[in-house]
């Protein structure tokens, strides 16, 4: 029987007056694979409210009633029409499969290293945990952070002849036929749910003397929203527009900006390089994907660097001498009021049990605390995860479900520290452009504007 997922929306057109954090609630009910009403929850839904003409959008909150029905709560933040959009990312049954894969197949993406000495060379498998064999292991656990990493020992070479690290590939055919039905594009894998009736609201101007309704703790509001294509943060710093190279250069003048993490952080490095004619990349002959990179603007005394995080990084070949743990790099920084640190580490940990990611974040958190203790003027900004386009392969290796769970851990890990979040999750979800692991330029521009607004509050141009 063809797998399907249905959603019945029980609402019509709504006319409301605009107030601060006015909320609307949308009820819906899900059907199972055979079209019968579900009696349990656990489905993964993404929701947003948007107006394409106004280039406005805001992410909503989903409340799972654990009986097959869901409520969605939105903040009304602009006057005019607003369309409700609901996306089924995964039914609950698919999430059970994803969780099983991380328990039973954490090595489904595997890594390799080349060992070489003179004319002898050999390649072996590497990972956080390797399945037991008769082959001895090389232990590359980092002595300072305690982060584990192992490779099977080459038969004819010693462990200290390892020269690189790279992603080897991924295991295929991990799902049976029934499980694959849970991951069908256009059916139950990141599919828009069509409303059975009107799916819009009309927000009217606020009346004089009208009471303002604020969100409760249980339905905390969004971190921001788009209006006329520009991200407006709610709470925290005001996001300024840095629309010219001179405005960006003036903001970064005298600053050292150090970026660490995966390719979603590298996007920010590439954006600044393209936006600033005076910022020149020094040729370190680094591979495009892996880096490291360094750019300098001598006239304005601006330094911008990027370095990828250590294994389990899924990039192409990286020399072992360039494998650096973020915590160790932070311990090497002087810091201070002219130093900006950008961190973004999430995507490459999706196939592992959560404990692996927690351990990595703990070591980074300790290093951030040490840095802020010795150089309290240092500005630390953390980029969160973001939703992406999903195929079957992308789902079992990097599903939005995996990303969301790690995003929650990331936020909890750094809560209470003097660090700032760049909410890539909501900035991607609220935008009208399709989801992508590497968000398109309009979203990146808004992210960088948010970054610069932390560095130079109220100094946009």
Protein backbone atom coordinates (compact mmCIF):
# COMPACT_ATOMS: atom_id res chain seq x y z
CA UNK A 1 0.00 0.00 0.00
CA UNK A 2 1.31 3.42 -0.89
CA UNK A 3 2.63 5.27 2.12
CA UNK A 4 1.07 8.62 2.77
CA UNK A 5 0.72 11.25 5.46
CA UNK A 6 -2.32 13.46 5.70
CA UNK A 7 -3.14 16.46 7.82
CA UNK A 8 -6.55 17.95 8.40
CA UNK A 9 -6.60 21.63 9.37
CA UNK A 10 -9.59 22.72 11.36
CA UNK A 11 -9.61 26.46 10.87
CA UNK A 12 -10.81 29.11 8.47
CA UNK A 13 -9.89 32.70 7.69
CA UNK A 14 -8.97 34.68 10.78
CA UNK A 15 -9.05 38.45 11.27
CA UNK A 16 -6.97 39.75 14.17
CA UNK A 17 -5.61 43.04 15.43
CA UNK A 18 -1.83 43.43 15.58
CA UNK A 19 -0.35 43.52 19.09
CA UNK A 20 2.94 42.58 20.66
CA UNK A 21 3.27 38.81 20.45
CA UNK A 22 -0.36 38.23 19.62
CA UNK A 23 -0.72 34.49 19.14
CA UNK A 24 -2.89 32.42 16.88
CA UNK A 25 -3.40 28.74 17.41
CA UNK A 26 -3.95 26.28 14.56
CA UNK A 27 -5.22 22.76 15.24
CA UNK A 28 -4.42 19.80 13.03
CA UNK A 29 -4.67 16.03 13.06
CA UNK A 30 -2.38 13.49 11.39
CA UNK A 31 -3.25 10.24 9.64
CA UNK A 32 -1.07 7.13 9.59
CA UNK A 33 0.42 5.36 6.57
CA UNK A 34 -2.90 3.75 5.71
CA UNK A 35 -4.94 6.93 6.03
CA UNK A 36 -6.37 6.19 9.46
CA UNK A 37 -6.38 8.92 12.13
CA UNK A 38 -3.31 8.55 14.33
CA UNK A 39 -3.75 8.09 18.05
CA UNK A 40 -0.17 8.93 19.01
CA UNK A 41 2.18 11.85 18.43
CA UNK A 42 5.86 12.10 17.60
CA UNK A 43 5.63 13.46 14.05
CA UNK A 44 8.18 16.11 13.10
CA UNK A 45 6.56 19.25 11.67
CA UNK A 46 8.04 22.58 10.65
CA UNK A 47 5.72 25.59 10.47
CA UNK A 48 5.94 29.20 9.44
CA UNK A 49 3.71 32.20 8.80
CA UNK A 50 4.63 34.29 5.78
CA UNK A 51 3.67 36.96 3.28
CA UNK A 52 5.64 36.64 0.06
CA UNK A 53 4.70 40.11 -1.22
CA UNK A 54 5.96 41.75 1.96
CA UNK A 55 8.93 39.36 2.14
CA UNK A 56 7.82 38.66 5.68
CA UNK A 57 8.08 35.41 7.59
CA UNK A 58 8.26 34.00 11.08
CA UNK A 59 8.74 30.49 12.45
CA UNK A 60 5.96 28.96 14.52
CA UNK A 61 5.92 26.60 17.48
CA UNK A 62 4.37 23.13 17.29
CA UNK A 63 2.65 21.61 20.32
CA UNK A 64 2.31 17.81 20.16
CA UNK A 65 -0.77 16.61 22.07
CA UNK A 66 0.51 12.99 21.82
CA UNK A 67 -2.81 11.77 20.42
CA UNK A 68 -2.29 12.46 16.72
CA UNK A 69 -3.33 16.10 16.97
CA UNK A 70 -1.09 19.16 17.00
CA UNK A 71 -1.41 22.86 17.70
CA UNK A 72 0.70 25.53 16.07
CA UNK A 73 1.33 28.87 17.73
CA UNK A 74 2.42 31.93 15.74
CA UNK A 75 3.34 35.49 16.67
CA UNK A 76 1.65 38.13 14.50
CA UNK A 77 4.35 40.66 13.75
CA UNK A 78 3.21 42.57 10.66
CA UNK A 79 -0.01 44.06 9.34
CA UNK A 80 -1.68 42.45 6.36
CA UNK A 81 -2.15 38.93 5.11
CA UNK A 82 -0.19 35.97 6.44
CA UNK A 83 -0.20 32.46 5.04
CA UNK A 84 0.18 29.40 7.25
CA UNK A 85 2.64 26.84 5.90
CA UNK A 86 3.10 23.38 7.45
CA UNK A 87 5.78 20.90 6.39
CA UNK A 88 5.86 17.28 7.45
CA UNK A 89 9.54 16.45 7.74
CA UNK A 90 9.09 12.93 9.16
CA UNK A 91 6.25 10.88 10.59
CA UNK A 92 6.96 9.53 14.05
CA UNK A 93 7.61 6.05 12.65
CA UNK A 94 10.49 7.44 10.56
CA UNK A 95 12.03 9.12 13.60
CA UNK A 96 12.13 5.74 15.35
CA UNK A 97 14.17 4.42 12.41
CA UNK A 98 16.55 7.40 12.56
CA UNK A 99 17.13 6.87 16.26
CA UNK A 100 17.77 3.16 15.69
CA UNK A 101 20.37 3.94 13.00
CA UNK A 102 22.34 6.10 15.40
CA UNK A 103 22.32 3.36 18.00
CA UNK A 104 23.15 0.46 15.69
CA UNK A 105 25.00 2.09 12.76
CA UNK A 106 27.00 5.05 14.12
CA UNK A 107 29.76 4.17 11.65
CA UNK A 108 27.52 4.32 8.56
CA UNK A 109 29.63 7.26 7.44
CA UNK A 110 33.19 6.04 7.64
CA UNK A 111 36.57 7.73 7.51
CA UNK A 112 40.03 6.76 6.35
CA UNK A 113 43.63 7.78 6.81
CA UNK A 114 46.65 7.25 4.64
CA UNK A 115 49.82 6.02 6.31
CA UNK A 116 53.11 6.41 4.47
CA UNK A 117 56.80 5.91 5.10
CA UNK A 118 59.22 6.00 2.21
CA UNK A 119 57.83 3.85 -0.60
CA UNK A 120 55.38 2.04 1.69
CA UNK A 121 51.81 3.28 2.03
CA UNK A 122 48.60 1.84 3.43
CA UNK A 123 45.07 3.08 4.07
CA UNK A 124 42.90 2.00 6.99
CA UNK A 125 39.45 2.79 8.42
CA UNK A 126 39.07 5.34 11.22
CA UNK A 127 36.25 6.50 13.49
CA UNK A 128 35.27 7.49 17.01
CA UNK A 129 34.49 3.86 17.72
CA UNK A 130 35.62 1.00 15.51
CA UNK A 131 34.03 -2.41 15.44
CA UNK A 132 36.16 -5.10 17.14
CA UNK A 133 38.45 -7.11 14.86
CA UNK A 134 41.73 -8.93 15.21
CA UNK A 135 43.47 -5.86 13.82
CA UNK A 136 45.11 -3.65 16.51
CA UNK A 137 44.16 0.01 16.84
CA UNK A 138 46.06 3.28 16.65
CA UNK A 139 44.84 5.59 19.40
CA UNK A 140 44.75 9.26 18.41
CA UNK A 141 42.82 10.52 21.42
CA UNK A 142 43.70 14.19 21.93
CA UNK A 143 45.75 14.56 25.09
CA UNK A 144 44.38 18.01 26.00
CA UNK A 145 40.66 17.64 25.27
CA UNK A 146 40.33 13.87 25.71
CA UNK A 147 38.51 13.64 22.37
CA UNK A 148 38.81 10.04 21.12
CA UNK A 149 39.74 9.01 17.58
CA UNK A 150 40.99 5.65 16.35
CA UNK A 151 42.27 4.01 13.18
CA UNK A 152 42.97 0.38 12.44
CA UNK A 153 46.73 -0.02 12.58
CA UNK A 154 48.43 -0.61 9.23
CA UNK A 155 49.93 -4.05 8.87
CA UNK A 156 53.40 -2.86 7.89
CA UNK A 157 53.62 0.69 9.22
CA UNK A 158 53.60 2.33 12.63
CA UNK A 159 50.81 4.55 13.95
CA UNK A 160 52.98 7.67 13.75
CA UNK A 161 53.16 7.46 9.93
CA UNK A 162 49.57 8.70 9.52
CA UNK A 163 49.59 11.66 7.13
CA UNK A 164 45.94 12.61 6.46
CA UNK A 165 42.25 12.23 7.28
CA UNK A 166 39.31 12.05 4.90
CA UNK A 167 35.75 10.82 4.55
CA UNK A 168 35.82 7.34 3.05
CA UNK A 169 32.16 6.92 2.14
CA UNK A 170 28.91 5.67 3.59
CA UNK A 171 27.15 2.37 4.01
CA UNK A 172 24.14 1.79 1.80
CA UNK A 173 21.04 -0.40 1.94
CA UNK A 174 20.55 0.09 5.67
CA UNK A 175 16.74 0.17 5.46
CA UNK A 176 14.31 -2.61 4.61
CA UNK A 177 11.49 -2.11 2.12
CA UNK A 178 8.93 -1.11 4.75
CA UNK A 179 11.31 1.39 6.33
CA UNK A 180 12.08 2.99 2.99
CA UNK A 181 8.37 3.77 2.58
CA UNK A 182 8.74 6.13 5.52
CA UNK A 183 11.20 8.30 3.55
CA UNK A 184 9.48 9.06 0.24
CA UNK A 185 10.02 12.47 -1.29
CA UNK A 186 6.73 14.16 -2.08
CA UNK A 187 4.82 11.73 0.15
CA UNK A 188 6.07 11.81 3.73
CA UNK A 189 9.59 13.26 3.51
CA UNK A 190 9.70 17.03 3.92
CA UNK A 191 6.40 17.52 2.14
CA UNK A 192 4.08 20.53 2.34
CA UNK A 193 0.71 19.69 3.86
CA UNK A 194 -2.09 21.23 1.86
CA UNK A 195 -4.89 22.84 3.85
CA UNK A 196 -8.41 21.54 3.33
CA UNK A 197 -9.74 25.10 3.70
CA UNK A 198 -8.47 28.68 3.96
CA UNK A 199 -4.93 28.85 5.31
CA UNK A 200 -4.46 32.56 5.90
CA UNK A 201 -4.98 35.22 8.50
CA UNK A 202 -5.48 38.95 8.08
CA UNK A 203 -3.80 41.14 10.67
CA UNK A 204 -5.35 44.59 11.13
CA UNK A 205 -3.69 47.63 12.71
CA UNK A 206 -3.78 47.78 16.47
CA UNK A 207 -6.64 49.83 17.88
CA UNK A 208 -5.96 52.63 20.30
CA UNK A 209 -6.18 51.41 23.87
CA UNK A 210 -6.23 47.76 22.82
CA UNK A 211 -4.71 45.38 25.37
CA UNK A 212 -1.47 43.72 24.38
CA UNK A 213 -1.22 39.97 24.68
CA UNK A 214 2.19 38.58 25.53
CA UNK A 215 3.34 35.03 25.05
CA UNK A 216 3.66 32.76 28.05
CA UNK A 217 6.76 30.79 28.96
CA UNK A 218 5.19 27.68 27.46
CA UNK A 219 4.79 29.42 24.11
CA UNK A 220 7.91 31.57 24.05
CA UNK A 221 8.09 33.80 21.03
CA UNK A 222 10.43 33.53 18.05
CA UNK A 223 13.97 34.90 18.07
CA UNK A 224 13.13 37.17 15.15
CA UNK A 225 11.26 37.54 11.88
CA UNK A 226 11.68 38.81 8.33
CA UNK A 227 10.03 41.97 7.03
CA UNK A 228 10.86 43.35 3.58
CA UNK A 229 13.51 40.67 3.37
CA UNK A 230 15.39 41.92 6.42
CA UNK A 231 15.82 39.92 9.61
CA UNK A 232 14.59 41.71 12.71
CA UNK A 233 15.70 40.17 15.98
CA UNK A 234 13.31 40.13 18.91
CA UNK A 235 15.25 40.68 22.10
CA UNK A 236 18.98 41.11 22.33
CA UNK A 237 20.79 43.33 19.86
CA UNK A 238 19.09 45.37 17.13
CA UNK A 239 20.05 44.06 13.70
CA UNK A 240 21.54 46.81 11.56
CA UNK A 241 21.99 46.88 7.79
CA UNK A 242 25.59 46.78 6.63
CA UNK A 243 24.90 47.33 2.95
CA UNK A 244 28.21 48.78 1.82
CA UNK A 245 31.80 47.65 1.92
CA UNK A 246 32.73 50.84 3.80
CA UNK A 247 30.14 50.13 6.52
CA UNK A 248 31.45 46.58 6.99
CA UNK A 249 35.08 47.75 6.95
CA UNK A 250 34.36 50.46 9.49
CA UNK A 251 32.72 47.89 11.77
CA UNK A 252 35.59 45.42 11.52
CA UNK A 253 38.36 48.01 11.66
CA UNK A 254 41.01 46.90 14.12
CA UNK A 255 39.28 43.55 14.69
CA UNK A 256 40.49 39.96 14.49
CA UNK A 257 37.63 37.61 13.57
CA UNK A 258 38.40 33.92 14.09
CA UNK A 259 35.91 31.41 12.65
CA UNK A 260 35.92 27.73 13.62
CA UNK A 261 33.67 24.90 12.55
CA UNK A 262 32.15 23.41 9.42
CA UNK A 263 31.35 24.65 5.93
CA UNK A 264 28.31 26.62 7.11
CA UNK A 265 30.72 28.90 9.00
CA UNK A 266 33.10 28.95 6.06
CA UNK A 267 30.22 30.59 4.13
CA UNK A 268 30.54 33.63 6.37
CA UNK A 269 34.27 33.82 5.72
CA UNK A 270 33.63 33.64 1.97
CA UNK A 271 30.90 36.30 2.22
CA UNK A 272 33.23 38.78 3.94
CA UNK A 273 35.99 38.09 1.41
CA UNK A 274 33.60 38.82 -1.44
CA UNK A 275 32.05 41.89 0.23
CA UNK A 276 35.29 43.66 1.16
CA UNK A 277 37.62 44.62 -1.71
CA UNK A 278 40.31 45.53 0.79
CA UNK A 279 40.23 42.11 2.45
CA UNK A 280 42.78 39.96 0.65
CA UNK A 281 43.12 36.24 1.22
CA UNK A 282 46.65 35.10 1.84
CA UNK A 283 47.43 32.04 -0.27
CA UNK A 284 48.21 29.21 2.14
CA UNK A 285 47.72 26.71 -0.72
CA UNK A 286 44.91 25.18 1.32
CA UNK A 287 42.25 22.98 -0.30
CA UNK A 288 39.06 24.99 -0.91
CA UNK A 289 36.90 22.73 1.23
CA UNK A 290 39.14 22.28 4.23
CA UNK A 291 41.19 25.45 4.65
CA UNK A 292 42.70 26.86 6.80
CA UNK A 293 42.20 30.39 5.46
CA UNK A 294 43.48 33.78 6.46
CA UNK A 295 42.52 37.17 5.02
CA UNK A 296 44.00 40.57 5.82
CA UNK A 297 43.01 44.18 5.23
CA UNK A 298 46.20 46.06 6.10
CA UNK A 299 44.68 49.52 5.62
CA UNK A 300 41.93 48.86 8.17
CA UNK A 301 43.87 46.39 10.34
CA UNK A 302 41.30 43.62 9.83
CA UNK A 303 42.15 39.92 10.22
CA UNK A 304 39.67 37.16 9.34
CA UNK A 305 40.51 33.47 9.66
CA UNK A 306 38.73 30.16 9.20
CA UNK A 307 39.71 26.71 10.40
CA UNK A 308 37.58 23.57 10.19
CA UNK A 309 36.96 21.45 13.26
CA UNK A 310 38.68 18.12 13.81
CA UNK A 311 37.26 14.62 13.15
CA UNK A 312 34.60 13.56 12.51
CA UNK A 313 34.87 16.25 9.80
CA UNK A 314 33.57 14.83 6.49
CA UNK A 315 35.75 16.88 4.19
CA UNK A 316 38.22 15.68 1.60
CA UNK A 317 41.82 14.98 2.53
CA UNK A 318 43.17 17.04 5.42
CA UNK A 319 46.83 16.69 6.50
CA UNK A 320 47.05 15.42 10.05
CA UNK A 321 49.15 18.48 10.94
CA UNK A 322 46.12 20.65 10.12
CA UNK A 323 43.70 18.70 12.34
CA UNK A 324 43.00 21.05 15.24
CA UNK A 325 40.37 20.79 17.96
CA UNK A 326 38.43 24.02 18.49
CA UNK A 327 39.03 23.93 22.25
CA UNK A 328 42.78 23.84 21.73
CA UNK A 329 42.61 26.69 19.23
CA UNK A 330 40.63 28.83 21.68
CA UNK A 331 43.23 28.14 24.37
CA UNK A 332 45.82 29.64 22.00
CA UNK A 333 43.95 32.93 21.52
CA UNK A 334 44.95 36.08 23.39
CA UNK A 335 41.39 37.42 23.13
CA UNK A 336 40.25 40.86 24.18
CA UNK A 337 37.88 43.60 23.06
CA UNK A 338 39.20 43.51 19.48
CA UNK A 339 38.76 39.75 19.12
CA UNK A 340 35.65 38.08 17.72
CA UNK A 341 35.21 34.30 17.85
CA UNK A 342 32.63 32.58 15.65
CA UNK A 343 31.76 28.92 16.30
CA UNK A 344 29.60 26.61 14.21
CA UNK A 345 29.79 22.86 14.81
CA UNK A 346 26.78 20.58 14.28
CA UNK A 347 26.34 19.00 10.86
CA UNK A 348 29.14 16.42 10.97
CA UNK A 349 27.96 14.88 14.25
CA UNK A 350 24.52 13.77 13.08
CA UNK A 351 25.24 10.04 12.65
CA UNK A 352 26.67 9.52 16.12
CA UNK A 353 24.99 8.97 19.48
CA UNK A 354 24.31 12.27 21.21
CA UNK A 355 27.01 11.56 23.79
CA UNK A 356 29.68 12.13 21.12
CA UNK A 357 28.35 15.61 20.36
CA UNK A 358 27.86 16.48 24.03
CA UNK A 359 31.45 15.55 24.81
CA UNK A 360 32.75 17.79 22.00
CA UNK A 361 30.61 20.73 23.10
CA UNK A 362 31.72 20.28 26.70
CA UNK A 363 35.37 20.65 25.73
CA UNK A 364 34.56 23.75 23.66
CA UNK A 365 32.47 25.21 26.47
CA UNK A 366 35.29 24.80 28.96
CA UNK A 367 37.64 26.56 26.54
CA UNK A 368 35.15 29.40 26.04
CA UNK A 369 34.88 29.83 29.81
CA UNK A 370 38.69 29.97 30.10
CA UNK A 371 38.88 32.51 27.28
CA UNK A 372 36.20 34.75 28.79
CA UNK A 373 37.80 34.50 32.23
CA UNK A 374 41.19 35.67 30.96
CA UNK A 375 39.92 38.06 28.27
CA UNK A 376 36.34 39.04 29.22
CA UNK A 377 36.08 41.55 26.37
CA UNK A 378 36.19 38.78 23.76
CA UNK A 379 33.00 38.53 21.70
CA UNK A 380 31.85 34.93 21.14
CA UNK A 381 29.09 34.20 18.62
CA UNK A 382 27.69 30.73 17.98
CA UNK A 383 25.93 29.78 14.78
CA UNK A 384 23.12 27.29 15.31
CA UNK A 385 22.06 24.47 13.00
CA UNK A 386 19.68 25.02 10.09
CA UNK A 387 17.18 22.87 8.14
CA UNK A 388 18.23 21.58 4.73
CA UNK A 389 16.95 19.84 1.62
CA UNK A 390 16.48 16.10 2.17
CA UNK A 391 16.91 13.04 -0.02
CA UNK A 392 16.90 9.50 1.33
CA UNK A 393 20.68 9.53 1.72
CA UNK A 394 20.71 13.00 3.28
CA UNK A 395 17.97 11.91 5.65
CA UNK A 396 19.70 8.87 7.09
CA UNK A 397 22.96 10.78 7.43
CA UNK A 398 21.95 14.37 8.14
CA UNK A 399 18.21 14.66 8.69
CA UNK A 400 16.67 17.85 10.04
CA UNK A 401 15.60 15.70 12.97
CA UNK A 402 19.22 15.00 13.83
CA UNK A 403 20.08 18.68 13.37
CA UNK A 404 17.22 19.87 15.59
CA UNK A 405 18.19 17.55 18.45
CA UNK A 406 21.78 18.75 18.33
CA UNK A 407 20.60 22.33 18.06
CA UNK A 408 18.70 21.90 21.33
CA UNK A 409 21.79 20.50 23.02
CA UNK A 410 23.95 23.34 21.67
CA UNK A 411 21.61 26.00 23.06
CA UNK A 412 21.40 24.27 26.44
CA UNK A 413 25.18 23.81 26.62
CA UNK A 414 25.98 27.50 26.22
CA UNK A 415 22.99 28.91 28.09
CA UNK A 416 24.06 31.28 30.83
CA UNK A 417 27.46 32.10 29.31
CA UNK A 418 28.31 35.50 27.89
CA UNK A 419 27.96 34.31 24.30
CA UNK A 420 25.53 35.25 21.53
CA UNK A 421 23.51 33.01 19.25
CA UNK A 422 23.03 33.58 15.55
CA UNK A 423 19.75 31.69 15.11
CA UNK A 424 20.35 30.06 11.75
CA UNK A 425 17.49 27.62 12.41
CA UNK A 426 14.78 30.28 12.53
CA UNK A 427 16.47 32.51 9.96
CA UNK A 428 16.31 29.64 7.46
CA UNK A 429 12.88 28.34 8.47
CA UNK A 430 11.22 31.78 8.33
CA UNK A 431 12.63 32.63 4.88
CA UNK A 432 10.78 31.89 1.64
CA UNK A 433 13.82 30.37 -0.11
CA UNK A 434 14.18 26.56 -0.16
CA UNK A 435 16.07 24.92 2.66
CA UNK A 436 19.70 24.17 1.94
CA UNK A 437 22.59 22.93 4.07
CA UNK A 438 24.38 26.04 2.81
CA UNK A 439 21.70 28.74 2.91
CA UNK A 440 21.49 30.97 -0.19
CA UNK A 441 23.04 34.49 -0.31
CA UNK A 442 20.03 36.51 0.96
CA UNK A 443 19.95 34.46 4.15
CA UNK A 444 23.73 34.57 4.56
CA UNK A 445 23.64 38.36 4.18
CA UNK A 446 21.11 38.57 7.01
CA UNK A 447 23.22 36.24 9.14
CA UNK A 448 26.33 38.36 8.58
CA UNK A 449 24.34 41.53 9.33
CA UNK A 450 23.37 39.91 12.63
CA UNK A 451 27.01 39.02 13.30
CA UNK A 452 28.17 42.56 12.53
CA UNK A 453 25.40 44.00 14.71
CA UNK A 454 26.86 42.18 17.70
CA UNK A 455 30.28 43.60 16.86
CA UNK A 456 29.07 47.14 16.13
CA UNK A 457 25.66 47.80 17.71
CA UNK A 458 23.70 50.58 15.96
CA UNK A 459 26.50 51.21 13.46
CA UNK A 460 25.03 49.86 10.24
CA UNK A 461 25.10 51.76 6.99
